C-alpha atoms as a PDB file:
ATOM      1  CA  MET A   1     -40.400  11.844   1.480  1.00  0.00           C
ATOM      2  CA  ILE A   2     -39.264  11.072   5.141  1.00  0.00           C
ATOM      3  CA  ARG A   3     -40.111   7.514   4.959  1.00  0.00           C
ATOM      4  CA  LEU A   4     -38.238   7.303   1.876  1.00  0.00           C
ATOM      5  CA  LEU A   5     -35.321   8.824   3.085  1.00  0.00           C
ATOM      6  CA  VAL A   6     -35.550   6.534   6.110  1.00  0.00           C
ATOM      7  CA  GLY A   7     -35.642   3.555   3.850  1.00  0.00           C
ATOM      8  CA  ALA A   8     -32.762   4.716   1.824  1.00  0.00           C
ATOM      9  CA  GLY A   9     -30.587   5.096   4.715  1.00  0.00           C
ATOM     10  CA  LEU A  10     -31.491   1.664   6.443  1.00  0.00           C
ATOM     11  CA  ALA A  11     -30.917  -0.051   3.397  1.00  0.00           C
ATOM     12  CA  ALA A  12     -27.410   1.640   2.893  1.00  0.00           C
ATOM     13  CA  ALA A  13     -26.558   0.519   6.443  1.00  0.00           C
ATOM     14  CA  ALA A  14     -27.699  -2.752   5.757  1.00  0.00           C
ATOM     15  CA  ALA A  15     -25.474  -2.811   2.673  1.00  0.00           C
ATOM     16  CA  THR A  16     -22.464  -1.564   4.352  1.00  0.00           C
ATOM     17  CA  TYR A  17     -22.895  -3.950   7.148  1.00  0.00           C
ATOM     18  CA  MET A  18     -22.982  -6.876   4.536  1.00  0.00           C
ATOM     19  CA  ILE A  19     -20.013  -6.213   2.559  1.00  0.00           C
ATOM     20  CA  ALA A  20     -17.872  -4.547   4.894  1.00  0.00           C
ATOM     21  CA  PRO A  21     -14.444  -5.844   5.845  1.00  0.00           C
ATOM     22  CA  GLU A  22     -11.963  -6.207   8.953  1.00  0.00           C
ATOM     23  CA  LYS A  23      -9.143  -4.046   8.506  1.00  0.00           C
ATOM     24  CA  ALA A  24      -5.896  -5.630   8.775  1.00  0.00           C
ATOM     25  CA  PRO A  25      -3.401  -4.520  11.532  1.00  0.00           C
ATOM     26  CA  ASP A  26      -0.814  -2.296  10.209  1.00  0.00           C
ATOM     27  CA  SER A  27       2.016  -4.776  11.088  1.00  0.00           C
ATOM     28  CA  ALA A  28       0.452  -7.027   8.568  1.00  0.00           C
ATOM     29  CA  ARG A  29       0.003  -4.460   5.967  1.00  0.00           C
ATOM     30  CA  ARG A  30       3.592  -3.450   5.968  1.00  0.00           C
ATOM     31  CA  GLU A  31       5.031  -7.352   5.913  1.00  0.00           C
ATOM     32  CA  LEU A  32       2.401  -7.983   2.879  1.00  0.00           C
ATOM     33  CA  CYS A  33       1.656  -4.999   0.832  1.00  0.00           C
ATOM     34  CA  GLY A  34       4.027  -4.162  -1.816  1.00  0.00           C
ATOM     35  CA  ARG A  35       5.026  -7.789  -2.519  1.00  0.00           C
ATOM     36  CA  SER A  36       4.867  -9.751  -5.891  1.00  0.00           C
ATOM     37  CA  TRP A  37       3.515 -13.205  -5.254  1.00  0.00           C
ATOM     38  CA  ALA A  38       4.919 -16.206  -7.261  1.00  0.00           C
ATOM     39  CA  HIS A  39       1.411 -18.082  -8.616  1.00  0.00           C
ATOM     40  CA  ARG A  40       1.650 -21.787  -7.874  1.00  0.00           C
ATOM     41  CA  GLY A  41       5.614 -21.059  -7.047  1.00  0.00           C
ATOM     42  CA  LEU A  42       7.818 -19.829  -9.650  1.00  0.00           C
ATOM     43  CA  HIS A  43       7.123 -22.139 -12.407  1.00  0.00           C
ATOM     44  CA  ASP A  44       8.546 -22.534 -15.934  1.00  0.00           C
ATOM     45  CA  ILE A  45       7.632 -25.485 -17.544  1.00  0.00           C
ATOM     46  CA  SER A  46       9.939 -24.930 -20.117  1.00  0.00           C
ATOM     47  CA  LYS A  47      12.720 -25.277 -17.811  1.00  0.00           C
ATOM     48  CA  GLY A  48      11.159 -28.292 -16.321  1.00  0.00           C
ATOM     49  CA  ILE A  49       9.805 -26.782 -13.453  1.00  0.00           C
ATOM     50  CA  PRO A  50       6.031 -27.442 -13.004  1.00  0.00           C
ATOM     51  CA  GLU A  51       3.400 -25.413 -11.004  1.00  0.00           C
ATOM     52  CA  ASN A  52       3.204 -26.072  -7.130  1.00  0.00           C
ATOM     53  CA  SER A  53       6.192 -28.158  -7.219  1.00  0.00           C
ATOM     54  CA  MET A  54       9.223 -28.180  -4.738  1.00  0.00           C
ATOM     55  CA  ALA A  55      11.582 -26.998  -7.785  1.00  0.00           C
ATOM     56  CA  ALA A  56       8.793 -24.076  -8.123  1.00  0.00           C
ATOM     57  CA  PHE A  57       9.065 -23.172  -4.641  1.00  0.00           C
ATOM     58  CA  ARG A  58      12.609 -23.132  -4.357  1.00  0.00           C
ATOM     59  CA  ALA A  59      12.929 -20.836  -7.497  1.00  0.00           C
ATOM     60  CA  ALA A  60      10.857 -18.767  -5.729  1.00  0.00           C
ATOM     61  CA  ARG A  61      12.112 -18.599  -2.509  1.00  0.00           C
ATOM     62  CA  ASP A  62      15.620 -18.039  -4.368  1.00  0.00           C
ATOM     63  CA  ASN A  63      14.486 -15.073  -6.127  1.00  0.00           C
ATOM     64  CA  GLY A  64      12.740 -13.683  -2.997  1.00  0.00           C
ATOM     65  CA  PHE A  65       9.080 -13.532  -3.999  1.00  0.00           C
ATOM     66  CA  GLY A  66       5.886 -14.647  -1.783  1.00  0.00           C
ATOM     67  CA  ILE A  67       4.387 -17.744  -2.877  1.00  0.00           C
ATOM     68  CA  GLU A  68       0.980 -18.333  -3.715  1.00  0.00           C
ATOM     69  CA  LEU A  69      -0.187 -22.207  -3.493  1.00  0.00           C
ATOM     70  CA  ASP A  70      -2.973 -24.322  -3.122  1.00  0.00           C
ATOM     71  CA  LEU A  71      -4.189 -26.905  -0.546  1.00  0.00           C
ATOM     72  CA  GLN A  72      -6.395 -29.822  -0.801  1.00  0.00           C
ATOM     73  CA  LEU A  73      -6.777 -33.261   1.377  1.00  0.00           C
ATOM     74  CA  THR A  74      -5.967 -36.998   0.304  1.00  0.00           C
ATOM     75  CA  ALA A  75      -8.319 -39.661   1.131  1.00  0.00           C
ATOM     76  CA  ASP A  76      -6.105 -40.658   3.888  1.00  0.00           C
ATOM     77  CA  GLY A  77      -5.935 -37.048   5.325  1.00  0.00           C
ATOM     78  CA  GLN A  78      -2.821 -35.712   4.233  1.00  0.00           C
ATOM     79  CA  VAL A  79      -2.801 -31.886   3.158  1.00  0.00           C
ATOM     80  CA  VAL A  80      -1.068 -31.663  -0.281  1.00  0.00           C
ATOM     81  CA  VAL A  81      -0.226 -28.969  -2.779  1.00  0.00           C
ATOM     82  CA  PHE A  82      -1.894 -29.095  -5.676  1.00  0.00           C
ATOM     83  CA  HIS A  83      -4.583 -26.862  -8.007  1.00  0.00           C
ATOM     84  CA  ASP A  84      -6.947 -28.920  -9.762  1.00  0.00           C
ATOM     85  CA  SER A  85      -9.283 -31.558  -8.285  1.00  0.00           C
ATOM     86  CA  ASN A  86      -8.672 -33.641 -10.952  1.00  0.00           C
ATOM     87  CA  LEU A  87      -5.496 -35.074 -11.724  1.00  0.00           C
ATOM     88  CA  GLU A  88      -5.732 -35.193 -15.493  1.00  0.00           C
ATOM     89  CA  ARG A  89      -4.307 -31.856 -16.555  1.00  0.00           C
ATOM     90  CA  MET A  90      -1.186 -32.081 -14.482  1.00  0.00           C
ATOM     91  CA  CYS A  91      -0.852 -35.853 -14.248  1.00  0.00           C
ATOM     92  CA  GLY A  92      -2.512 -37.345 -17.072  1.00  0.00           C
ATOM     93  CA  VAL A  93      -4.582 -39.603 -15.152  1.00  0.00           C
ATOM     94  CA  ASP A  94      -8.389 -38.787 -15.007  1.00  0.00           C
ATOM     95  CA  ALA A  95      -9.268 -39.105 -11.257  1.00  0.00           C
ATOM     96  CA  GLU A  96     -10.097 -37.133  -8.292  1.00  0.00           C
ATOM     97  CA  LEU A  97      -7.284 -36.021  -6.168  1.00  0.00           C
ATOM     98  CA  GLY A  98      -9.518 -36.547  -3.187  1.00  0.00           C
ATOM     99  CA  SER A  99     -10.378 -40.350  -3.840  1.00  0.00           C
ATOM    100  CA  MET A 100      -6.509 -41.329  -3.312  1.00  0.00           C
ATOM    101  CA  THR A 101      -4.248 -41.682  -0.742  1.00  0.00           C
ATOM    102  CA  TYR A 102      -0.812 -39.672  -0.483  1.00  0.00           C
ATOM    103  CA  GLY A 103       0.959 -43.023  -1.067  1.00  0.00           C
ATOM    104  CA  GLU A 104      -0.924 -43.423  -4.364  1.00  0.00           C
ATOM    105  CA  LEU A 105      -0.342 -39.904  -5.572  1.00  0.00           C
ATOM    106  CA  LEU A 106       3.525 -40.544  -5.183  1.00  0.00           C
ATOM    107  CA  THR A 107       3.066 -42.728  -8.115  1.00  0.00           C
ATOM    108  CA  PHE A 108       2.288 -39.713 -10.490  1.00  0.00           C
ATOM    109  CA  ARG A 109       4.728 -37.345 -11.656  1.00  0.00           C
ATOM    110  CA  LEU A 110       3.885 -33.649 -12.713  1.00  0.00           C
ATOM    111  CA  ALA A 111       3.497 -32.696 -16.265  1.00  0.00           C
ATOM    112  CA  GLY A 112       5.869 -35.161 -17.423  1.00  0.00           C
ATOM    113  CA  THR A 113       9.074 -34.283 -15.157  1.00  0.00           C
ATOM    114  CA  ASP A 114      10.598 -35.936 -11.887  1.00  0.00           C
ATOM    115  CA  GLU A 115       8.603 -33.541  -9.744  1.00  0.00           C
ATOM    116  CA  ARG A 116       5.591 -35.257  -7.428  1.00  0.00           C
ATOM    117  CA  ILE A 117       2.714 -33.762  -5.900  1.00  0.00           C
ATOM    118  CA  PRO A 118       4.297 -32.210  -2.694  1.00  0.00           C
ATOM    119  CA  LEU A 119       3.029 -32.335   0.917  1.00  0.00           C
ATOM    120  CA  PHE A 120       2.421 -29.035   2.904  1.00  0.00           C
ATOM    121  CA  SER A 121       4.702 -29.994   5.420  1.00  0.00           C
ATOM    122  CA  ASP A 122       7.620 -30.587   3.071  1.00  0.00           C
ATOM    123  CA  VAL A 123       7.019 -27.197   1.281  1.00  0.00           C
ATOM    124  CA  ILE A 124       6.860 -25.436   5.026  1.00  0.00           C
ATOM    125  CA  ALA A 125      10.219 -27.434   6.333  1.00  0.00           C
ATOM    126  CA  MET A 126      11.956 -26.389   2.682  1.00  0.00           C
ATOM    127  CA  LEU A 127      11.169 -22.797   2.633  1.00  0.00           C
ATOM    128  CA  GLY A 128      12.378 -22.479   6.567  1.00  0.00           C
ATOM    129  CA  GLY A 129       9.900 -18.992   6.840  1.00  0.00           C
ATOM    130  CA  ARG A 130      12.245 -17.324   4.579  1.00  0.00           C
ATOM    131  CA  VAL A 131       9.517 -15.974   2.208  1.00  0.00           C
ATOM    132  CA  PRO A 132       5.960 -15.147   3.020  1.00  0.00           C
ATOM    133  CA  LEU A 133       3.096 -17.818   1.834  1.00  0.00           C
ATOM    134  CA  LEU A 134      -0.468 -16.994   0.702  1.00  0.00           C
ATOM    135  CA  VAL A 135      -2.415 -20.162   1.385  1.00  0.00           C
ATOM    136  CA  GLU A 136      -5.500 -20.950  -0.681  1.00  0.00           C
ATOM    137  CA  ILE A 137      -7.837 -23.282   0.537  1.00  0.00           C
ATOM    138  CA  LYS A 138      -9.721 -25.568  -2.490  1.00  0.00           C
ATOM    139  CA  PRO A 139     -13.182 -25.591  -1.879  1.00  0.00           C
ATOM    140  CA  SER A 140     -13.938 -29.142  -0.238  1.00  0.00           C
ATOM    141  CA  ARG A 141     -16.667 -31.194   1.124  1.00  0.00           C
ATOM    142  CA  ARG A 142     -14.508 -31.790   4.178  1.00  0.00           C
ATOM    143  CA  ARG A 143     -14.072 -28.255   4.618  1.00  0.00           C
ATOM    144  CA  SER A 144     -13.887 -28.396   8.493  1.00  0.00           C
ATOM    145  CA  GLU A 145     -11.178 -31.313   8.191  1.00  0.00           C
ATOM    146  CA  LEU A 146      -9.208 -29.860   5.422  1.00  0.00           C
ATOM    147  CA  CYS A 147      -8.990 -26.030   7.460  1.00  0.00           C
ATOM    148  CA  SER A 148      -8.035 -27.892  10.835  1.00  0.00           C
ATOM    149  CA  ALA A 149      -5.375 -29.762   9.300  1.00  0.00           C
ATOM    150  CA  ALA A 150      -4.105 -26.473   7.106  1.00  0.00           C
ATOM    151  CA  LEU A 151      -4.269 -24.245  10.367  1.00  0.00           C
ATOM    152  CA  ALA A 152      -2.029 -27.201  12.381  1.00  0.00           C
ATOM    153  CA  LEU A 153       0.784 -26.767   9.574  1.00  0.00           C
ATOM    154  CA  MET A 154       0.403 -23.217   9.233  1.00  0.00           C
ATOM    155  CA  ARG A 155       1.101 -22.630  12.964  1.00  0.00           C
ATOM    156  CA  THR A 156       4.586 -24.397  12.331  1.00  0.00           C
ATOM    157  CA  TYR A 157       5.795 -22.016   9.561  1.00  0.00           C
ATOM    158  CA  PRO A 158       8.315 -19.547  10.894  1.00  0.00           C
ATOM    159  CA  GLY A 159       7.560 -16.897   8.478  1.00  0.00           C
ATOM    160  CA  GLU A 160       4.525 -14.626   7.668  1.00  0.00           C
ATOM    161  CA  LEU A 161       1.584 -16.076   6.156  1.00  0.00           C
ATOM    162  CA  CYS A 162      -2.049 -15.424   5.044  1.00  0.00           C
ATOM    163  CA  VAL A 163      -4.842 -17.428   3.908  1.00  0.00           C
ATOM    164  CA  GLU A 164      -7.761 -17.180   1.252  1.00  0.00           C
ATOM    165  CA  SER A 165     -10.422 -18.856  -0.612  1.00  0.00           C
ATOM    166  CA  PHE A 166     -13.237 -18.659  -3.029  1.00  0.00           C
ATOM    167  CA  ASP A 167     -15.483 -20.361  -0.250  1.00  0.00           C
ATOM    168  CA  PRO A 168     -16.588 -17.804   1.843  1.00  0.00           C
ATOM    169  CA  PHE A 169     -17.098 -20.608   4.663  1.00  0.00           C
ATOM    170  CA  THR A 170     -13.911 -21.379   4.692  1.00  0.00           C
ATOM    171  CA  VAL A 171     -12.664 -17.857   5.201  1.00  0.00           C
ATOM    172  CA  ALA A 172     -15.426 -17.507   7.918  1.00  0.00           C
ATOM    173  CA  TRP A 173     -14.057 -20.883   9.507  1.00  0.00           C
ATOM    174  CA  PHE A 174     -10.491 -19.004  10.045  1.00  0.00           C
ATOM    175  CA  ARG A 175     -12.440 -15.795  11.354  1.00  0.00           C
ATOM    176  CA  ARG A 176     -13.653 -18.180  13.950  1.00  0.00           C
ATOM    177  CA  ASN A 177     -10.890 -20.626  14.713  1.00  0.00           C
ATOM    178  CA  ALA A 178      -7.473 -18.205  13.777  1.00  0.00           C
ATOM    179  CA  PRO A 179      -8.664 -14.652  13.762  1.00  0.00           C
ATOM    180  CA  ASP A 180      -4.967 -13.779  13.983  1.00  0.00           C
ATOM    181  CA  ILE A 181      -4.019 -14.972  10.640  1.00  0.00           C
ATOM    182  CA  ILE A 182      -4.891 -12.327   7.814  1.00  0.00           C
ATOM    183  CA  ARG A 183      -7.505 -13.709   5.582  1.00  0.00           C
ATOM    184  CA  GLY A 184      -8.635 -12.643   2.208  1.00  0.00           C
ATOM    185  CA  GLN A 185     -11.881 -13.530  -0.109  1.00  0.00           C
ATOM    186  CA  LEU A 186     -10.903 -14.573  -3.553  1.00  0.00           C
ATOM    187  CA  ALA A 187     -13.531 -12.989  -6.094  1.00  0.00           C
ATOM    188  CA  MET A 188     -14.078 -12.291  -9.895  1.00  0.00           C
ATOM    189  CA  LYS A 189     -16.888 -10.486 -11.643  1.00  0.00           C
ATOM    190  CA  SER A 190     -16.922 -13.430 -14.058  1.00  0.00           C
ATOM    191  CA  TYR A 191     -17.269 -16.118 -11.717  1.00  0.00           C
ATOM    192  CA  ARG A 192     -20.862 -15.348 -11.659  1.00  0.00           C
ATOM    193  CA  ASN A 193     -20.949 -16.757 -15.387  1.00  0.00           C
ATOM    194  CA  ASP A 194     -18.946 -19.597 -14.275  1.00  0.00           C
ATOM    195  CA  LEU A 195     -21.069 -20.511 -11.615  1.00  0.00           C
ATOM    196  CA  GLN A 196     -24.059 -20.468 -13.355  1.00  0.00           C
ATOM    197  CA  LEU A 197     -22.515 -22.999 -15.957  1.00  0.00           C
ATOM    198  CA  ARG A 198     -22.307 -25.101 -13.096  1.00  0.00           C
ATOM    199  CA  GLY A 199     -25.940 -25.137 -11.940  1.00  0.00           C
ATOM    200  CA  VAL A 200     -25.530 -22.507  -9.389  1.00  0.00           C
ATOM    201  CA  SER A 201     -28.526 -20.725  -9.020  1.00  0.00           C
ATOM    202  CA  ALA A 202     -28.412 -16.581 -10.087  1.00  0.00           C
ATOM    203  CA  ALA A 203     -28.975 -15.879  -6.683  1.00  0.00           C
ATOM    204  CA  ILE A 204     -26.027 -17.637  -5.038  1.00  0.00           C
ATOM    205  CA  SER A 205     -23.668 -16.701  -7.993  1.00  0.00           C
ATOM    206  CA  PHE A 206     -24.656 -12.948  -7.347  1.00  0.00           C
ATOM    207  CA  VAL A 207     -23.735 -13.164  -3.715  1.00  0.00           C
ATOM    208  CA  LEU A 208     -20.619 -14.999  -4.006  1.00  0.00           C
ATOM    209  CA  SER A 209     -19.657 -12.383  -6.791  1.00  0.00           C
ATOM    210  CA  HIS A 210     -20.420  -9.417  -4.949  1.00  0.00           C
ATOM    211  CA  GLY A 211     -19.020  -9.996  -1.528  1.00  0.00           C
ATOM    212  CA  VAL A 212     -22.355  -9.983   0.238  1.00  0.00           C
ATOM    213  CA  THR A 213     -21.018 -12.941   2.562  1.00  0.00           C
ATOM    214  CA  ASN A 214     -18.310 -10.434   3.926  1.00  0.00           C
ATOM    215  CA  PHE A 215     -20.520 -10.362   7.084  1.00  0.00           C
ATOM    216  CA  LEU A 216     -19.636 -13.957   7.368  1.00  0.00           C
ATOM    217  CA  SER A 217     -16.259 -13.744   7.058  1.00  0.00           C
ATOM    218  CA  ARG A 218     -15.048 -10.352   7.479  1.00  0.00           C
ATOM    219  CA  PRO A 219     -11.927 -10.659   5.147  1.00  0.00           C
ATOM    220  CA  HIS A 220      -8.817  -8.384   5.270  1.00  0.00           C
ATOM    221  CA  PHE A 221      -8.094  -8.415   1.836  1.00  0.00           C
ATOM    222  CA  ILE A 222      -9.964  -9.299  -1.567  1.00  0.00           C
ATOM    223  CA  ALA A 223      -8.196 -11.360  -4.154  1.00  0.00           C
ATOM    224  CA  HIS A 224      -9.506 -10.082  -7.227  1.00  0.00           C
ATOM    225  CA  LYS A 225      -9.260 -11.784 -10.849  1.00  0.00           C
ATOM    226  CA  LEU A 226      -7.585  -8.578 -13.026  1.00  0.00           C
ATOM    227  CA  GLU A 227     -10.736  -7.442 -14.478  1.00  0.00           C
ATOM    228  CA  LYS A 228     -13.405  -4.805 -13.764  1.00  0.00           C
ATOM    229  CA  LYS A 229     -14.807  -5.122 -10.119  1.00  0.00           C
ATOM    230  CA  THR A 230     -18.146  -4.814  -8.778  1.00  0.00           C
ATOM    231  CA  LEU A 231     -19.138  -1.574  -7.171  1.00  0.00           C
ATOM    232  CA  ALA A 232     -19.628  -3.811  -3.747  1.00  0.00           C
ATOM    233  CA  LEU A 233     -16.224  -4.733  -3.950  1.00  0.00           C
ATOM    234  CA  ARG A 234     -14.794  -1.386  -4.592  1.00  0.00           C
ATOM    235  CA  LEU A 235     -16.734  -0.141  -1.632  1.00  0.00           C
ATOM    236  CA  ALA A 236     -15.103  -2.864   0.645  1.00  0.00           C
ATOM    237  CA  GLU A 237     -11.525  -1.702  -0.308  1.00  0.00           C
ATOM    238  CA  ARG A 238     -12.410   2.029   0.357  1.00  0.00           C
ATOM    239  CA  MET A 239     -13.416   0.535   3.635  1.00  0.00           C
ATOM    240  CA  GLY A 240      -9.919  -0.836   4.370  1.00  0.00           C
ATOM    241  CA  ALA A 241      -9.469  -4.139   2.565  1.00  0.00           C
ATOM    242  CA  MET A 242      -6.343  -4.577   0.962  1.00  0.00           C
ATOM    243  CA  ARG A 243      -6.370  -5.199  -2.803  1.00  0.00           C
ATOM    244  CA  PHE A 244      -4.768  -8.360  -4.118  1.00  0.00           C
ATOM    245  CA  ALA A 245      -4.734  -9.041  -7.766  1.00  0.00           C
ATOM    246  CA  TRP A 246      -4.423 -12.226  -9.990  1.00  0.00           C
ATOM    247  CA  THR A 247      -2.898 -13.387 -12.342  1.00  0.00           C
ATOM    248  CA  SER A 248      -0.679 -10.704 -13.639  1.00  0.00           C
ATOM    249  CA  ARG A 249       1.118 -12.239 -16.575  1.00  0.00           C
ATOM    250  CA  THR A 250       2.671  -8.659 -17.713  1.00  0.00           C
ATOM    251  CA  PRO A 251       3.990  -5.709 -15.597  1.00  0.00           C
ATOM    252  CA  GLY A 252       1.576  -3.008 -14.939  1.00  0.00           C
ATOM    253  CA  PRO A 253      -1.152  -3.927 -11.783  1.00  0.00           C
ATOM    254  CA  GLU A 254       1.041  -2.842  -9.228  1.00  0.00           C
ATOM    255  CA  ASP A 255       0.084   0.862  -9.350  1.00  0.00           C
ATOM    256  CA  GLN A 256      -3.578  -0.036  -8.330  1.00  0.00           C
ATOM    257  CA  ASN A 257      -3.027  -2.834  -6.315  1.00  0.00           C
ATOM    258  CA  ASP A 258      -1.331  -3.569  -2.555  1.00  0.00           C
ATOM    259  CA  CYS A 259      -0.312  -7.173  -3.716  1.00  0.00           C
ATOM    260  CA  VAL A 260       0.217  -8.664  -7.195  1.00  0.00           C
ATOM    261  CA  ILE A 261       0.209 -12.244  -7.875  1.00  0.00           C
ATOM    262  CA  PHE A 262       1.897 -13.010 -11.224  1.00  0.00           C
ATOM    263  CA  GLU A 263       3.393 -15.630 -13.342  1.00  0.00           C
ATOM    264  CA  GLY A 264       5.411 -15.944 -16.647  1.00  0.00           C
ATOM    265  CA  TYR A 265       7.697 -12.814 -15.812  1.00  0.00           C
ATOM    266  CA  LEU A 266       9.969 -11.682 -13.225  1.00  0.00           C
ATOM    267  CA  PRO A 267       8.822  -8.642 -11.589  1.00  0.00           C
ATOM    268  CA  LYS A 268      10.348  -6.658  -8.631  1.00  0.00           C
ATOM    269  CA  PRO A 269      10.105  -9.095  -5.208  1.00  0.00           C
ATOM    270  CA  ARG A 270       9.046  -5.659  -3.907  1.00  0.00           C
ATOM    271  CA  TYR A 271       7.660  -2.584  -5.218  1.00  0.00           C
END
């Protein structure tokens, strides 16, 4: 019996170590929590404002919303704001963004509008620090190059910002190289099934969907899809991880989350 109790205690301690977050400073929690974040900017294609465009970011800024956006690298090392790895959905071209230079990308338009894929540096200059940024670093084979280039630009932003990624090694990179920047792990329970459809093993899928890699990255927040959370992620929140929710399309998640990433309606900028 004693051996069983000791074993159970050691297992619980190991599990706690694996999933424990790092608690964000109170000052950062005050700035970031209780905010509504416009998902890929305040986009509305019916008004000619596509996602992740300068027009969407201007609209979010003018309405006082925090802005969530996505970063990738072009073939010539420019940091651009774009969600998909492929250009087909937004630009009508079946090509990988990372295979093209920024000059080549300028020949395309977003969703049939006059908007182009923006440089992150141009977004920073236009916003001028007036609203906080939630910067998602997309998974990349050029992880270190993308993280380094993104961080250099993030350091020029005069407002509040934080960083997140589905890739735990990206979050860990920011823990090592920019520990002062608030960082978060993107997660969803159904991510495990999505990964397996792409040929990722069940074991790796389980690790990524249950926060087991938190020991590498020690995220300050968990940005979770609006669906039921695993027990491990709920425990991480009880240990101090801020609760970010995505993507809300109707009011309501504010009651149970520290931050809500939204689209398709206009919530209060702060709640």
